[in-house]
Amino acid sequence: MTYCHQHNLVEPDKATAERKYGIRVTLPADDTFSRMLGDEWETLHWYRSERERNTAFEKMAIRHGYYRKSDSPTQVLEKIVR
């Protein structure tokens, strides 16, 4: 079976591995998008290693090409460990 996106693949031997390094994504208190999502909105992404988490953090922090030039993303990224 072929997959359109690499992130859709699951490696069975790694699927149950402990993931203790994370990234918390939140919005600033004055962000207008929080009117839709709520003041307490957050999402968490978990990774097996600190290195894997740090690589993902760097990619998430880059302003991607889908934003209009006039858009300013305001997400807050925080590295966490459980």
N, C-alpha and C. Protein backbone atom coordinates (compact mmCIF):
# COMPACT_ATOMS: atom_id res chain seq x y z
N MET A 1 0.85 -1.18 0.00
CA MET A 1 0.00 0.00 0.00
C MET A 1 0.89 1.24 0.00
N THR A 2 0.55 2.21 -0.80
CA THR A 2 1.32 3.44 -0.83
C THR A 2 0.63 4.51 0.00
N TYR A 3 1.42 5.43 0.48
CA TYR A 3 0.90 6.51 1.31
C TYR A 3 1.21 7.84 0.64
N CYS A 4 0.31 8.77 0.76
CA CYS A 4 0.49 10.08 0.18
C CYS A 4 1.47 10.91 1.01
N HIS A 5 1.40 10.79 2.33
CA HIS A 5 2.23 11.60 3.21
C HIS A 5 3.03 10.70 4.15
N GLN A 6 4.30 11.00 4.32
CA GLN A 6 5.18 10.21 5.17
C GLN A 6 4.66 10.14 6.60
N HIS A 7 4.07 11.24 7.11
CA HIS A 7 3.61 11.25 8.49
C HIS A 7 2.46 10.29 8.76
N ASN A 8 1.85 9.72 7.71
CA ASN A 8 0.78 8.75 7.89
C ASN A 8 1.29 7.35 8.18
N LEU A 9 2.58 7.15 8.00
CA LEU A 9 3.15 5.82 8.22
C LEU A 9 3.34 5.57 9.71
N VAL A 10 3.07 4.36 10.12
CA VAL A 10 3.29 3.96 11.51
C VAL A 10 4.28 2.81 11.50
N GLU A 11 5.34 2.95 12.28
CA GLU A 11 6.32 1.89 12.41
C GLU A 11 5.90 1.03 13.60
N PRO A 12 5.38 -0.18 13.36
CA PRO A 12 4.82 -0.99 14.44
C PRO A 12 5.76 -1.20 15.62
N ASP A 13 7.06 -1.39 15.36
CA ASP A 13 8.00 -1.64 16.45
C ASP A 13 8.25 -0.39 17.30
N LYS A 14 7.89 0.78 16.78
CA LYS A 14 8.10 2.02 17.53
C LYS A 14 6.79 2.63 18.03
N ALA A 15 5.66 2.08 17.60
CA ALA A 15 4.35 2.66 17.91
C ALA A 15 4.06 2.69 19.41
N THR A 16 4.54 1.70 20.15
CA THR A 16 4.25 1.65 21.58
C THR A 16 5.39 2.19 22.43
N ALA A 17 6.42 2.76 21.81
CA ALA A 17 7.55 3.30 22.56
C ALA A 17 7.12 4.47 23.43
N GLU A 18 7.75 4.59 24.58
CA GLU A 18 7.43 5.69 25.49
C GLU A 18 7.83 7.01 24.85
N ARG A 19 6.97 7.97 24.96
CA ARG A 19 7.22 9.31 24.41
C ARG A 19 7.13 10.30 25.55
N LYS A 20 8.29 10.73 26.04
CA LYS A 20 8.28 11.60 27.21
C LYS A 20 8.71 13.03 26.92
N TYR A 21 9.15 13.30 25.69
CA TYR A 21 9.57 14.66 25.32
C TYR A 21 8.47 15.27 24.46
N GLY A 22 8.01 16.44 24.86
CA GLY A 22 6.86 17.01 24.17
C GLY A 22 6.98 18.47 23.82
N ILE A 23 6.00 18.90 23.04
CA ILE A 23 5.83 20.30 22.68
C ILE A 23 4.39 20.67 22.99
N ARG A 24 4.21 21.69 23.80
CA ARG A 24 2.88 22.23 24.11
C ARG A 24 2.65 23.43 23.20
N VAL A 25 1.53 23.44 22.51
CA VAL A 25 1.16 24.55 21.64
C VAL A 25 -0.05 25.26 22.26
N THR A 26 0.09 26.55 22.51
CA THR A 26 -0.99 27.35 23.06
C THR A 26 -1.09 28.66 22.27
N LEU A 27 -2.06 29.47 22.65
CA LEU A 27 -2.23 30.78 22.04
C LEU A 27 -2.02 31.86 23.10
N PRO A 28 -1.50 33.02 22.71
CA PRO A 28 -1.38 34.12 23.66
C PRO A 28 -2.77 34.52 24.18
N ALA A 29 -2.81 35.08 25.37
CA ALA A 29 -4.09 35.45 26.00
C ALA A 29 -4.92 36.41 25.14
N ASP A 30 -4.28 37.30 24.40
CA ASP A 30 -5.00 38.30 23.61
C ASP A 30 -5.23 37.88 22.16
N ASP A 31 -4.97 36.63 21.84
CA ASP A 31 -5.13 36.15 20.46
C ASP A 31 -6.62 36.04 20.11
N THR A 32 -7.02 36.63 19.00
CA THR A 32 -8.44 36.62 18.61
C THR A 32 -8.92 35.22 18.21
N PHE A 33 -8.01 34.35 17.79
CA PHE A 33 -8.39 32.99 17.41
C PHE A 33 -8.89 32.20 18.62
N SER A 34 -8.48 32.62 19.81
CA SER A 34 -8.94 31.92 21.03
C SER A 34 -10.43 32.12 21.26
N ARG A 35 -11.04 33.09 20.60
CA ARG A 35 -12.50 33.25 20.70
C ARG A 35 -13.21 32.02 20.14
N MET A 36 -12.60 31.41 19.12
CA MET A 36 -13.18 30.20 18.52
C MET A 36 -12.79 28.95 19.29
N LEU A 37 -11.52 28.88 19.73
CA LEU A 37 -11.02 27.67 20.37
C LEU A 37 -11.19 27.66 21.88
N GLY A 38 -11.37 28.82 22.48
CA GLY A 38 -11.49 28.92 23.93
C GLY A 38 -10.16 29.33 24.56
N ASP A 39 -10.25 29.96 25.71
CA ASP A 39 -9.07 30.47 26.39
C ASP A 39 -8.13 29.37 26.87
N GLU A 40 -8.65 28.20 27.12
CA GLU A 40 -7.84 27.11 27.67
C GLU A 40 -7.32 26.15 26.60
N TRP A 41 -7.46 26.49 25.32
CA TRP A 41 -7.04 25.57 24.25
C TRP A 41 -5.54 25.32 24.29
N GLU A 42 -5.17 24.07 24.09
CA GLU A 42 -3.78 23.68 23.91
C GLU A 42 -3.76 22.35 23.19
N THR A 43 -2.64 22.03 22.56
CA THR A 43 -2.45 20.72 21.98
C THR A 43 -1.04 20.29 22.32
N LEU A 44 -0.86 18.98 22.45
CA LEU A 44 0.43 18.43 22.83
C LEU A 44 0.92 17.46 21.76
N HIS A 45 2.21 17.50 21.47
CA HIS A 45 2.85 16.57 20.54
C HIS A 45 3.96 15.88 21.32
N TRP A 46 4.02 14.53 21.27
CA TRP A 46 4.98 13.76 22.05
C TRP A 46 5.97 13.03 21.14
N TYR A 47 7.22 12.92 21.62
CA TYR A 47 8.31 12.33 20.84
C TYR A 47 9.12 11.38 21.71
N ARG A 48 9.76 10.41 21.06
CA ARG A 48 10.54 9.39 21.76
C ARG A 48 11.85 9.94 22.33
N SER A 49 12.46 10.90 21.66
CA SER A 49 13.76 11.40 22.12
C SER A 49 13.76 12.93 22.15
N GLU A 50 14.68 13.46 22.93
CA GLU A 50 14.83 14.90 23.01
C GLU A 50 15.26 15.47 21.66
N ARG A 51 16.10 14.75 20.98
CA ARG A 51 16.57 15.18 19.65
C ARG A 51 15.41 15.25 18.64
N GLU A 52 14.58 14.21 18.65
CA GLU A 52 13.41 14.18 17.76
C GLU A 52 12.48 15.35 18.06
N ARG A 53 12.25 15.61 19.35
CA ARG A 53 11.40 16.72 19.77
C ARG A 53 11.99 18.06 19.34
N ASN A 54 13.30 18.25 19.53
CA ASN A 54 13.94 19.50 19.17
C ASN A 54 13.90 19.77 17.67
N THR A 55 14.04 18.72 16.87
CA THR A 55 13.94 18.86 15.41
C THR A 55 12.53 19.30 15.03
N ALA A 56 11.52 18.66 15.63
CA ALA A 56 10.12 19.04 15.34
C ALA A 56 9.85 20.46 15.81
N PHE A 57 10.40 20.84 16.96
CA PHE A 57 10.21 22.19 17.51
C PHE A 57 10.73 23.24 16.53
N GLU A 58 11.92 23.00 15.99
CA GLU A 58 12.51 23.93 15.03
C GLU A 58 11.63 24.08 13.79
N LYS A 59 11.10 22.96 13.29
CA LYS A 59 10.23 23.00 12.11
C LYS A 59 8.93 23.74 12.42
N MET A 60 8.38 23.52 13.62
CA MET A 60 7.12 24.17 13.98
C MET A 60 7.29 25.67 14.18
N ALA A 61 8.49 26.09 14.55
CA ALA A 61 8.75 27.50 14.83
C ALA A 61 8.97 28.33 13.57
N ILE A 62 9.20 27.67 12.44
CA ILE A 62 9.43 28.38 11.19
C ILE A 62 8.10 28.83 10.60
N ARG A 63 8.08 30.03 10.12
CA ARG A 63 6.90 30.55 9.43
C ARG A 63 6.79 29.83 8.09
N HIS A 64 5.76 29.01 7.93
CA HIS A 64 5.65 28.22 6.69
C HIS A 64 5.04 29.04 5.55
N GLY A 65 5.13 28.51 4.38
CA GLY A 65 4.73 29.23 3.17
C GLY A 65 3.25 29.39 2.95
N TYR A 66 2.40 28.80 3.80
CA TYR A 66 0.96 28.91 3.61
C TYR A 66 0.38 30.21 4.15
N TYR A 67 1.15 30.93 4.95
CA TYR A 67 0.66 32.21 5.48
C TYR A 67 0.72 33.28 4.40
N ARG A 68 -0.25 34.19 4.45
CA ARG A 68 -0.17 35.37 3.59
C ARG A 68 0.92 36.28 4.16
N LYS A 69 1.47 37.14 3.34
CA LYS A 69 2.53 38.03 3.80
C LYS A 69 2.06 38.91 4.95
N SER A 70 0.77 39.21 4.99
CA SER A 70 0.24 40.08 6.03
C SER A 70 -0.12 39.32 7.32
N ASP A 71 -0.06 37.99 7.30
CA ASP A 71 -0.40 37.19 8.48
C ASP A 71 0.79 37.08 9.43
N SER A 72 0.50 37.10 10.70
CA SER A 72 1.54 36.93 11.72
C SER A 72 1.09 35.83 12.68
N PRO A 73 1.61 34.61 12.54
CA PRO A 73 1.20 33.53 13.43
C PRO A 73 1.60 33.84 14.86
N THR A 74 0.73 33.46 15.80
CA THR A 74 0.97 33.82 17.19
C THR A 74 1.01 32.62 18.13
N GLN A 75 1.17 31.43 17.61
CA GLN A 75 1.21 30.27 18.48
C GLN A 75 2.41 30.35 19.43
N VAL A 76 2.22 29.78 20.61
CA VAL A 76 3.29 29.74 21.60
C VAL A 76 3.74 28.29 21.73
N LEU A 77 5.01 28.04 21.49
CA LEU A 77 5.56 26.70 21.58
C LEU A 77 6.39 26.57 22.85
N GLU A 78 6.21 25.45 23.55
CA GLU A 78 6.94 25.24 24.80
C GLU A 78 7.43 23.79 24.85
N LYS A 79 8.72 23.61 25.07
CA LYS A 79 9.27 22.25 25.23
C LYS A 79 8.92 21.76 26.63
N ILE A 80 8.43 20.50 26.70
CA ILE A 80 8.05 19.92 27.99
C ILE A 80 8.59 18.49 28.09
N VAL A 81 8.68 17.99 29.33
CA VAL A 81 9.09 16.62 29.60
C VAL A 81 8.14 16.05 30.63
N ARG A 82 7.73 14.79 30.43
CA ARG A 82 6.86 14.18 31.45
C ARG A 82 7.58 13.07 32.17
